[in-house]
Amino acid sequence: MISTRIFTFIMLLTVPSAKVFAYVDPGTGSMALQFLIGGIFAAALTIKTYYYKIKSTLAKLFGRTTVHSEADTPVEEEDISSQSL
């Protein structure tokens, strides 16, 4: 009963009682677009960062062979002492 009263009170507060003349300038739309593009790039970077970890976990879950990334392979070091300066 109390939650119904609180819900009704909150809903009545959100209903405007008079006309509101609000102005949204072009900068607001630009800022919203930047937030959207930034969010998309952040999600893409997060997926890229954890891609191989997620892929190997799903491979183990479904009983397939483990997936190795290029970053897991060792890199051979060059002998720089024999190179001429």
PDB file of N, CA and C in Angstrom:
ATOM      1  N   MET A   1       0.812  -1.187   0.000  1.00  0.00           N
ATOM      2  CA  MET A   1       0.000   0.000   0.000  1.00  0.00           C
ATOM      3  C   MET A   1       0.863   1.261   0.000  1.00  0.00           C
ATOM      4  N   ILE A   2       1.933   1.239   0.804  1.00  0.00           N
ATOM      5  CA  ILE A   2       2.807   2.406   0.872  1.00  0.00           C
ATOM      6  C   ILE A   2       3.549   2.586  -0.444  1.00  0.00           C
ATOM      7  N   SER A   3       3.990   1.469  -1.029  1.00  0.00           N
ATOM      8  CA  SER A   3       4.721   1.585  -2.292  1.00  0.00           C
ATOM      9  C   SER A   3       3.823   2.136  -3.402  1.00  0.00           C
ATOM     10  N   THR A   4       2.539   1.829  -3.365  1.00  0.00           N
ATOM     11  CA  THR A   4       1.605   2.376  -4.350  1.00  0.00           C
ATOM     12  C   THR A   4       1.466   3.884  -4.170  1.00  0.00           C
ATOM     13  N   ARG A   5       1.413   4.330  -2.941  1.00  0.00           N
ATOM     14  CA  ARG A   5       1.312   5.769  -2.677  1.00  0.00           C
ATOM     15  C   ARG A   5       2.582   6.498  -3.116  1.00  0.00           C
ATOM     16  N   ILE A   6       3.732   5.912  -2.837  1.00  0.00           N
ATOM     17  CA  ILE A   6       4.997   6.529  -3.253  1.00  0.00           C
ATOM     18  C   ILE A   6       5.077   6.588  -4.767  1.00  0.00           C
ATOM     19  N   PHE A   7       4.696   5.512  -5.417  1.00  0.00           N
ATOM     20  CA  PHE A   7       4.715   5.480  -6.882  1.00  0.00           C
ATOM     21  C   PHE A   7       3.780   6.543  -7.453  1.00  0.00           C
ATOM     22  N   THR A   8       2.590   6.659  -6.890  1.00  0.00           N
ATOM     23  CA  THR A   8       1.631   7.665  -7.358  1.00  0.00           C
ATOM     24  C   THR A   8       2.174   9.075  -7.140  1.00  0.00           C
ATOM     25  N   PHE A   9       2.791   9.308  -6.002  1.00  0.00           N
ATOM     26  CA  PHE A   9       3.367  10.619  -5.706  1.00  0.00           C
ATOM     27  C   PHE A   9       4.481  10.972  -6.692  1.00  0.00           C
ATOM     28  N   ILE A  10       5.346  10.035  -6.979  1.00  0.00           N
ATOM     29  CA  ILE A  10       6.436  10.271  -7.932  1.00  0.00           C
ATOM     30  C   ILE A  10       5.881  10.515  -9.329  1.00  0.00           C
ATOM     31  N   MET A  11       4.876   9.773  -9.719  1.00  0.00           N
ATOM     32  CA  MET A  11       4.284   9.964 -11.044  1.00  0.00           C
ATOM     33  C   MET A  11       3.623  11.340 -11.154  1.00  0.00           C
ATOM     34  N   LEU A  12       2.987  11.797 -10.092  1.00  0.00           N
ATOM     35  CA  LEU A  12       2.366  13.120 -10.116  1.00  0.00           C
ATOM     36  C   LEU A  12       3.411  14.233 -10.176  1.00  0.00           C
ATOM     37  N   LEU A  13       4.573  14.010  -9.604  1.00  0.00           N
ATOM     38  CA  LEU A  13       5.640  15.003  -9.672  1.00  0.00           C
ATOM     39  C   LEU A  13       6.218  15.127 -11.079  1.00  0.00           C
ATOM     40  N   THR A  14       6.161  14.057 -11.844  1.00  0.00           N
ATOM     41  CA  THR A  14       6.739  14.081 -13.187  1.00  0.00           C
ATOM     42  C   THR A  14       5.796  14.658 -14.232  1.00  0.00           C
ATOM     43  N   VAL A  15       4.537  14.777 -13.917  1.00  0.00           N
ATOM     44  CA  VAL A  15       3.572  15.330 -14.867  1.00  0.00           C
ATOM     45  C   VAL A  15       3.651  16.856 -14.804  1.00  0.00           C
ATOM     46  N   PRO A  16       3.964  17.502 -15.918  1.00  0.00           N
ATOM     47  CA  PRO A  16       4.057  18.969 -15.872  1.00  0.00           C
ATOM     48  C   PRO A  16       2.672  19.600 -15.703  1.00  0.00           C
ATOM     49  N   SER A  17       2.617  20.629 -14.891  1.00  0.00           N
ATOM     50  CA  SER A  17       1.334  21.279 -14.638  1.00  0.00           C
ATOM     51  C   SER A  17       1.080  22.458 -15.565  1.00  0.00           C
ATOM     52  N   ALA A  18       2.111  22.953 -16.210  1.00  0.00           N
ATOM     53  CA  ALA A  18       1.954  24.088 -17.126  1.00  0.00           C
ATOM     54  C   ALA A  18       2.854  23.856 -18.333  1.00  0.00           C
ATOM     55  N   LYS A  19       2.672  24.693 -19.338  1.00  0.00           N
ATOM     56  CA  LYS A  19       3.524  24.576 -20.511  1.00  0.00           C
ATOM     57  C   LYS A  19       4.955  24.961 -20.146  1.00  0.00           C
ATOM     58  N   VAL A  20       5.867  24.221 -20.695  1.00  0.00           N
ATOM     59  CA  VAL A  20       7.276  24.493 -20.448  1.00  0.00           C
ATOM     60  C   VAL A  20       7.906  24.888 -21.768  1.00  0.00           C
ATOM     61  N   PHE A  21       8.550  26.023 -21.785  1.00  0.00           N
ATOM     62  CA  PHE A  21       9.233  26.487 -22.987  1.00  0.00           C
ATOM     63  C   PHE A  21      10.726  26.237 -22.809  1.00  0.00           C
ATOM     64  N   ALA A  22      11.182  25.121 -23.331  1.00  0.00           N
ATOM     65  CA  ALA A  22      12.584  24.752 -23.183  1.00  0.00           C
ATOM     66  C   ALA A  22      13.283  24.877 -24.524  1.00  0.00           C
ATOM     67  N   TYR A  23      14.537  25.256 -24.466  1.00  0.00           N
ATOM     68  CA  TYR A  23      15.328  25.420 -25.677  1.00  0.00           C
ATOM     69  C   TYR A  23      16.542  24.521 -25.576  1.00  0.00           C
ATOM     70  N   VAL A  24      16.751  23.723 -26.591  1.00  0.00           N
ATOM     71  CA  VAL A  24      17.925  22.872 -26.662  1.00  0.00           C
ATOM     72  C   VAL A  24      18.810  23.439 -27.758  1.00  0.00           C
ATOM     73  N   ASP A  25      19.976  23.927 -27.369  1.00  0.00           N
ATOM     74  CA  ASP A  25      20.863  24.544 -28.345  1.00  0.00           C
ATOM     75  C   ASP A  25      21.623  23.478 -29.143  1.00  0.00           C
ATOM     76  N   PRO A  26      22.244  23.849 -30.255  1.00  0.00           N
ATOM     77  CA  PRO A  26      22.964  22.879 -31.086  1.00  0.00           C
ATOM     78  C   PRO A  26      24.117  22.194 -30.356  1.00  0.00           C
ATOM     79  N   GLY A  27      24.686  22.853 -29.372  1.00  0.00           N
ATOM     80  CA  GLY A  27      25.779  22.245 -28.613  1.00  0.00           C
ATOM     81  C   GLY A  27      25.339  21.004 -27.857  1.00  0.00           C
ATOM     82  N   THR A  28      24.089  20.976 -27.435  1.00  0.00           N
ATOM     83  CA  THR A  28      23.570  19.819 -26.711  1.00  0.00           C
ATOM     84  C   THR A  28      23.491  18.600 -27.622  1.00  0.00           C
ATOM     85  N   GLY A  29      23.047  18.800 -28.847  1.00  0.00           N
ATOM     86  CA  GLY A  29      22.996  17.692 -29.802  1.00  0.00           C
ATOM     87  C   GLY A  29      24.381  17.183 -30.133  1.00  0.00           C
ATOM     88  N   SER A  30      25.336  18.089 -30.259  1.00  0.00           N
ATOM     89  CA  SER A  30      26.716  17.700 -30.528  1.00  0.00           C
ATOM     90  C   SER A  30      27.286  16.902 -29.364  1.00  0.00           C
ATOM     91  N   MET A  31      26.983  17.317 -28.148  1.00  0.00           N
ATOM     92  CA  MET A  31      27.465  16.608 -26.977  1.00  0.00           C
ATOM     93  C   MET A  31      26.848  15.212 -26.893  1.00  0.00           C
ATOM     94  N   ALA A  32      25.568  15.096 -27.194  1.00  0.00           N
ATOM     95  CA  ALA A  32      24.908  13.792 -27.180  1.00  0.00           C
ATOM     96  C   ALA A  32      25.515  12.872 -28.232  1.00  0.00           C
ATOM     97  N   LEU A  33      25.825  13.417 -29.399  1.00  0.00           N
ATOM     98  CA  LEU A  33      26.462  12.629 -30.452  1.00  0.00           C
ATOM     99  C   LEU A  33      27.851  12.168 -30.022  1.00  0.00           C
ATOM    100  N   GLN A  34      28.600  13.019 -29.348  1.00  0.00           N
ATOM    101  CA  GLN A  34      29.922  12.636 -28.855  1.00  0.00           C
ATOM    102  C   GLN A  34      29.816  11.530 -27.815  1.00  0.00           C
ATOM    103  N   PHE A  35      28.831  11.613 -26.928  1.00  0.00           N
ATOM    104  CA  PHE A  35      28.617  10.550 -25.946  1.00  0.00           C
ATOM    105  C   PHE A  35      28.309   9.228 -26.636  1.00  0.00           C
ATOM    106  N   LEU A  36      27.475   9.266 -27.651  1.00  0.00           N
ATOM    107  CA  LEU A  36      27.105   8.060 -28.378  1.00  0.00           C
ATOM    108  C   LEU A  36      28.311   7.448 -29.075  1.00  0.00           C
ATOM    109  N   ILE A  37      29.069   8.259 -29.799  1.00  0.00           N
ATOM    110  CA  ILE A  37      30.246   7.754 -30.511  1.00  0.00           C
ATOM    111  C   ILE A  37      31.294   7.251 -29.524  1.00  0.00           C
ATOM    112  N   GLY A  38      31.510   7.984 -28.435  1.00  0.00           N
ATOM    113  CA  GLY A  38      32.465   7.548 -27.416  1.00  0.00           C
ATOM    114  C   GLY A  38      32.059   6.231 -26.780  1.00  0.00           C
ATOM    115  N   GLY A  39      30.773   6.053 -26.534  1.00  0.00           N
ATOM    116  CA  GLY A  39      30.283   4.797 -25.964  1.00  0.00           C
ATOM    117  C   GLY A  39      30.474   3.624 -26.903  1.00  0.00           C
ATOM    118  N   ILE A  40      30.256   3.857 -28.193  1.00  0.00           N
ATOM    119  CA  ILE A  40      30.452   2.791 -29.183  1.00  0.00           C
ATOM    120  C   ILE A  40      31.921   2.385 -29.235  1.00  0.00           C
ATOM    121  N   PHE A  41      32.822   3.377 -29.270  1.00  0.00           N
ATOM    122  CA  PHE A  41      34.248   3.061 -29.308  1.00  0.00           C
ATOM    123  C   PHE A  41      34.719   2.395 -28.018  1.00  0.00           C
ATOM    124  N   ALA A  42      34.192   2.805 -26.880  1.00  0.00           N
ATOM    125  CA  ALA A  42      34.558   2.177 -25.611  1.00  0.00           C
ATOM    126  C   ALA A  42      34.104   0.722 -25.576  1.00  0.00           C
ATOM    127  N   ALA A  43      32.902   0.449 -26.061  1.00  0.00           N
ATOM    128  CA  ALA A  43      32.411  -0.931 -26.113  1.00  0.00           C
ATOM    129  C   ALA A  43      33.247  -1.768 -27.068  1.00  0.00           C
ATOM    130  N   ALA A  44      33.621  -1.198 -28.216  1.00  0.00           N
ATOM    131  CA  ALA A  44      34.441  -1.931 -29.182  1.00  0.00           C
ATOM    132  C   ALA A  44      35.817  -2.241 -28.605  1.00  0.00           C
ATOM    133  N   LEU A  45      36.418  -1.299 -27.897  1.00  0.00           N
ATOM    134  CA  LEU A  45      37.728  -1.526 -27.302  1.00  0.00           C
ATOM    135  C   LEU A  45      37.654  -2.578 -26.202  1.00  0.00           C
ATOM    136  N   THR A  46      36.592  -2.560 -25.423  1.00  0.00           N
ATOM    137  CA  THR A  46      36.418  -3.561 -24.373  1.00  0.00           C
ATOM    138  C   THR A  46      36.265  -4.950 -24.972  1.00  0.00           C
ATOM    139  N   ILE A  47      35.468  -5.063 -26.018  1.00  0.00           N
ATOM    140  CA  ILE A  47      35.290  -6.357 -26.681  1.00  0.00           C
ATOM    141  C   ILE A  47      36.608  -6.818 -27.281  1.00  0.00           C
ATOM    142  N   LYS A  48      37.352  -5.908 -27.905  1.00  0.00           N
ATOM    143  CA  LYS A  48      38.639  -6.263 -28.501  1.00  0.00           C
ATOM    144  C   LYS A  48      39.620  -6.735 -27.433  1.00  0.00           C
ATOM    145  N   THR A  49      39.611  -6.083 -26.281  1.00  0.00           N
ATOM    146  CA  THR A  49      40.538  -6.429 -25.212  1.00  0.00           C
ATOM    147  C   THR A  49      40.274  -7.832 -24.673  1.00  0.00           C
ATOM    148  N   TYR A  50      39.032  -8.188 -24.495  1.00  0.00           N
ATOM    149  CA  TYR A  50      38.691  -9.469 -23.887  1.00  0.00           C
ATOM    150  C   TYR A  50      38.271 -10.529 -24.903  1.00  0.00           C
ATOM    151  N   TYR A  51      38.470 -10.302 -26.188  1.00  0.00           N
ATOM    152  CA  TYR A  51      37.983 -11.201 -27.234  1.00  0.00           C
ATOM    153  C   TYR A  51      38.557 -12.609 -27.090  1.00  0.00           C
ATOM    154  N   TYR A  52      39.880 -12.737 -26.987  1.00  0.00           N
ATOM    155  CA  TYR A  52      40.491 -14.063 -26.934  1.00  0.00           C
ATOM    156  C   TYR A  52      40.178 -14.779 -25.627  1.00  0.00           C
ATOM    157  N   LYS A  53      40.048 -14.035 -24.558  1.00  0.00           N
ATOM    158  CA  LYS A  53      39.691 -14.649 -23.283  1.00  0.00           C
ATOM    159  C   LYS A  53      38.273 -15.219 -23.346  1.00  0.00           C
ATOM    160  N   ILE A  54      37.358 -14.453 -23.904  1.00  0.00           N
ATOM    161  CA  ILE A  54      35.978 -14.920 -24.049  1.00  0.00           C
ATOM    162  C   ILE A  54      35.914 -16.098 -25.010  1.00  0.00           C
ATOM    163  N   LYS A  55      36.664 -16.019 -26.107  1.00  0.00           N
ATOM    164  CA  LYS A  55      36.653 -17.078 -27.108  1.00  0.00           C
ATOM    165  C   LYS A  55      37.202 -18.388 -26.541  1.00  0.00           C
ATOM    166  N   SER A  56      38.296 -18.316 -25.767  1.00  0.00           N
ATOM    167  CA  SER A  56      38.850 -19.541 -25.198  1.00  0.00           C
ATOM    168  C   SER A  56      37.933 -20.117 -24.123  1.00  0.00           C
ATOM    169  N   THR A  57      37.259 -19.253 -23.371  1.00  0.00           N
ATOM    170  CA  THR A  57      36.314 -19.733 -22.359  1.00  0.00           C
ATOM    171  C   THR A  57      35.138 -20.446 -23.017  1.00  0.00           C
ATOM    172  N   LEU A  58      34.615 -19.880 -24.094  1.00  0.00           N
ATOM    173  CA  LEU A  58      33.521 -20.534 -24.811  1.00  0.00           C
ATOM    174  C   LEU A  58      33.986 -21.829 -25.471  1.00  0.00           C
ATOM    175  N   ALA A  59      35.229 -21.859 -25.953  1.00  0.00           N
ATOM    176  CA  ALA A  59      35.758 -23.077 -26.560  1.00  0.00           C
ATOM    177  C   ALA A  59      35.872 -24.186 -25.519  1.00  0.00           C
ATOM    178  N   LYS A  60      36.343 -23.845 -24.325  1.00  0.00           N
ATOM    179  CA  LYS A  60      36.430 -24.836 -23.248  1.00  0.00           C
ATOM    180  C   LYS A  60      35.036 -25.306 -22.839  1.00  0.00           C
ATOM    181  N   LEU A  61      34.094 -24.375 -22.818  1.00  0.00           N
ATOM    182  CA  LEU A  61      32.727 -24.691 -22.413  1.00  0.00           C
ATOM    183  C   LEU A  61      32.075 -25.676 -23.374  1.00  0.00           C
ATOM    184  N   PHE A  62      32.313 -25.502 -24.672  1.00  0.00           N
ATOM    185  CA  PHE A  62      31.709 -26.365 -25.676  1.00  0.00           C
ATOM    186  C   PHE A  62      32.609 -27.523 -26.084  1.00  0.00           C
ATOM    187  N   GLY A  63      33.767 -27.700 -25.419  1.00  0.00           N
ATOM    188  CA  GLY A  63      34.625 -28.852 -25.653  1.00  0.00           C
ATOM    189  C   GLY A  63      35.478 -28.781 -26.898  1.00  0.00           C
ATOM    190  N   ARG A  64      35.729 -27.605 -27.406  1.00  0.00           N
ATOM    191  CA  ARG A  64      36.598 -27.463 -28.567  1.00  0.00           C
ATOM    192  C   ARG A  64      38.019 -27.197 -28.104  1.00  0.00           C
ATOM    193  N   THR A  65      38.941 -27.213 -29.062  1.00  0.00           N
ATOM    194  CA  THR A  65      40.334 -26.967 -28.710  1.00  0.00           C
ATOM    195  C   THR A  65      40.525 -25.519 -28.278  1.00  0.00           C
ATOM    196  N   THR A  66      41.580 -25.296 -27.531  1.00  0.00           N
ATOM    197  CA  THR A  66      41.849 -23.959 -27.025  1.00  0.00           C
ATOM    198  C   THR A  66      42.319 -23.046 -28.143  1.00  0.00           C
ATOM    199  N   VAL A  67      41.905 -21.831 -28.083  1.00  0.00           N
ATOM    200  CA  VAL A  67      42.268 -20.840 -29.090  1.00  0.00           C
ATOM    201  C   VAL A  67      43.437 -20.026 -28.560  1.00  0.00           C
ATOM    202  N   HIS A  68      44.487 -19.893 -29.375  1.00  0.00           N
ATOM    203  CA  HIS A  68      45.649 -19.099 -28.985  1.00  0.00           C
ATOM    204  C   HIS A  68      45.697 -17.841 -29.820  1.00  0.00           C
ATOM    205  N   SER A  69      46.054 -16.759 -29.186  1.00  0.00           N
ATOM    206  CA  SER A  69      46.176 -15.503 -29.914  1.00  0.00           C
ATOM    207  C   SER A  69      47.610 -15.306 -30.359  1.00  0.00           C
ATOM    208  N   GLU A  70      47.818 -14.342 -31.232  1.00  0.00           N
ATOM    209  CA  GLU A  70      49.163 -14.036 -31.689  1.00  0.00           C
ATOM    210  C   GLU A  70      50.000 -13.478 -30.549  1.00  0.00           C
ATOM    211  N   ALA A  71      49.380 -12.887 -29.577  1.00  0.00           N
ATOM    212  CA  ALA A  71      50.112 -12.316 -28.452  1.00  0.00           C
ATOM    213  C   ALA A  71      50.688 -13.399 -27.549  1.00  0.00           C
ATOM    214  N   ASP A  72      50.158 -14.627 -27.612  1.00  0.00           N
ATOM    215  CA  ASP A  72      50.643 -15.717 -26.778  1.00  0.00           C
ATOM    216  C   ASP A  72      51.904 -16.361 -27.328  1.00  0.00           C
ATOM    217  N   THR A  73      52.218 -16.163 -28.595  1.00  0.00           N
ATOM    218  CA  THR A  73      53.392 -16.794 -29.189  1.00  0.00           C
ATOM    219  C   THR A  73      54.643 -16.035 -28.787  1.00  0.00           C
ATOM    220  N   PRO A  74      55.713 -16.760 -28.428  1.00  0.00           N
ATOM    221  CA  PRO A  74      56.945 -16.074 -28.019  1.00  0.00           C
ATOM    222  C   PRO A  74      57.623 -15.397 -29.205  1.00  0.00           C
ATOM    223  N   VAL A  75      58.242 -14.291 -28.923  1.00  0.00           N
ATOM    224  CA  VAL A  75      58.945 -13.532 -29.952  1.00  0.00           C
ATOM    225  C   VAL A  75      60.433 -13.794 -29.803  1.00  0.00           C
ATOM    226  N   GLU A  76      61.096 -14.110 -30.925  1.00  0.00           N
ATOM    227  CA  GLU A  76      62.530 -14.360 -30.880  1.00  0.00           C
ATOM    228  C   GLU A  76      63.268 -13.038 -30.803  1.00  0.00           C
ATOM    229  N   GLU A  77      64.261 -12.997 -29.903  1.00  0.00           N
ATOM    230  CA  GLU A  77      65.048 -11.784 -29.760  1.00  0.00           C
ATOM    231  C   GLU A  77      66.206 -11.815 -30.739  1.00  0.00           C
ATOM    232  N   GLU A  78      66.508 -10.678 -31.309  1.00  0.00           N
ATOM    233  CA  GLU A  78      67.622 -10.579 -32.234  1.00  0.00           C
ATOM    234  C   GLU A  78      68.896 -10.297 -31.454  1.00  0.00           C
ATOM    235  N   ASP A  79      70.009 -10.795 -31.983  1.00  0.00           N
ATOM    236  CA  ASP A  79      71.298 -10.536 -31.366  1.00  0.00           C
ATOM    237  C   ASP A  79      71.813  -9.207 -31.896  1.00  0.00           C
ATOM    238  N   ILE A  80      71.758  -8.175 -31.064  1.00  0.00           N
ATOM    239  CA  ILE A  80      72.152  -6.849 -31.538  1.00  0.00           C
ATOM    240  C   ILE A  80      73.654  -6.621 -31.439  1.00  0.00           C
ATOM    241  N   SER A  81      74.385  -7.524 -30.776  1.00  0.00           N
ATOM    242  CA  SER A  81      75.828  -7.322 -30.632  1.00  0.00           C
ATOM    243  C   SER A  81      76.559  -7.526 -31.952  1.00  0.00           C
ATOM    244  N   SER A  82      75.995  -8.313 -32.866  1.00  0.00           N
ATOM    245  CA  SER A  82      76.663  -8.570 -34.136  1.00  0.00           C
ATOM    246  C   SER A  82      76.358  -7.508 -35.180  1.00  0.00           C
ATOM    247  N   GLN A  83      75.410  -6.636 -34.903  1.00  0.00           N
ATOM    248  CA  GLN A  83      75.060  -5.606 -35.870  1.00  0.00           C
ATOM    249  C   GLN A  83      76.062  -4.460 -35.797  1.00  0.00           C
ATOM    250  N   SER A  84      76.357  -3.885 -36.963  1.00  0.00           N
ATOM    251  CA  SER A  84      77.285  -2.760 -37.003  1.00  0.00           C
ATOM    252  C   SER A  84      76.541  -1.462 -36.735  1.00  0.00           C
ATOM    253  N   LEU A  85      77.222  -0.556 -36.090  1.00  0.00           N
ATOM    254  CA  LEU A  85      76.608   0.731 -35.772  1.00  0.00           C
ATOM    255  C   LEU A  85      76.914   1.708 -36.814  1.00  0.00           C
TER     256      LEU A  85
END
